[in-house]
Amino acid sequence: MQIEIAAEAGVDAFIAGPQGSGSVTLETFVKSCNEHGITPIIVLEMTHPGANDFLTENASERILEISLDLGVENFVAPANKPERLRLFKNTAREKKKHLTIFSPGVGPQGGGPDSAVFAGADFIIAGRSIYQAENPKEKIISMFTSIKNAYEKRKRLEK
């Protein structure tokens, strides 16, 4: 129902953490998105307090594997856990699947934009680290430079 409403509103991508009823919820979400021309984006992990209270060990890895098998390419994973970003990228690489990671958790939550990009993040979600900066423009330029350098370094190592 939510996907139908989103489609009628012109939404082209939908972020969700479909973690109930085993893989049925995840599969239903992805199928519904695909039927309505919406790109599914799956939340693998978050780091705010209580984010993982109801998840079992290795839930993120299982969600990733099922999602990749369903053809999902877009995921949300925290910038402040570079080791997890690397794990997710390596899992996709082993399965010969494409994976795009959007990473929140930059700055106040401890994630560095450069370390996240070097570990595998493709897009950084930076809110408070910019709007709480004394000079937001300077902060954006600094972040951009560090992200660009980290991305170039990652690409050299991936060859």
Foldseek 3Di string as FASTA:
>chain_A
DVLVVCLVVVAAEDEDAQDPPPCPSVLVVLVSCVVSNHQYEHELFDDDPPGCVPPDPCSSVVSLVVCVVSVHAHYEDALQCLVVQLVSVVVCVVVVGHHAYEHECDDPNRGPLLSSLLSHHPHYDDDCQQVVDPHNVVSVVVSVVSNVVSNVVSVVVVD
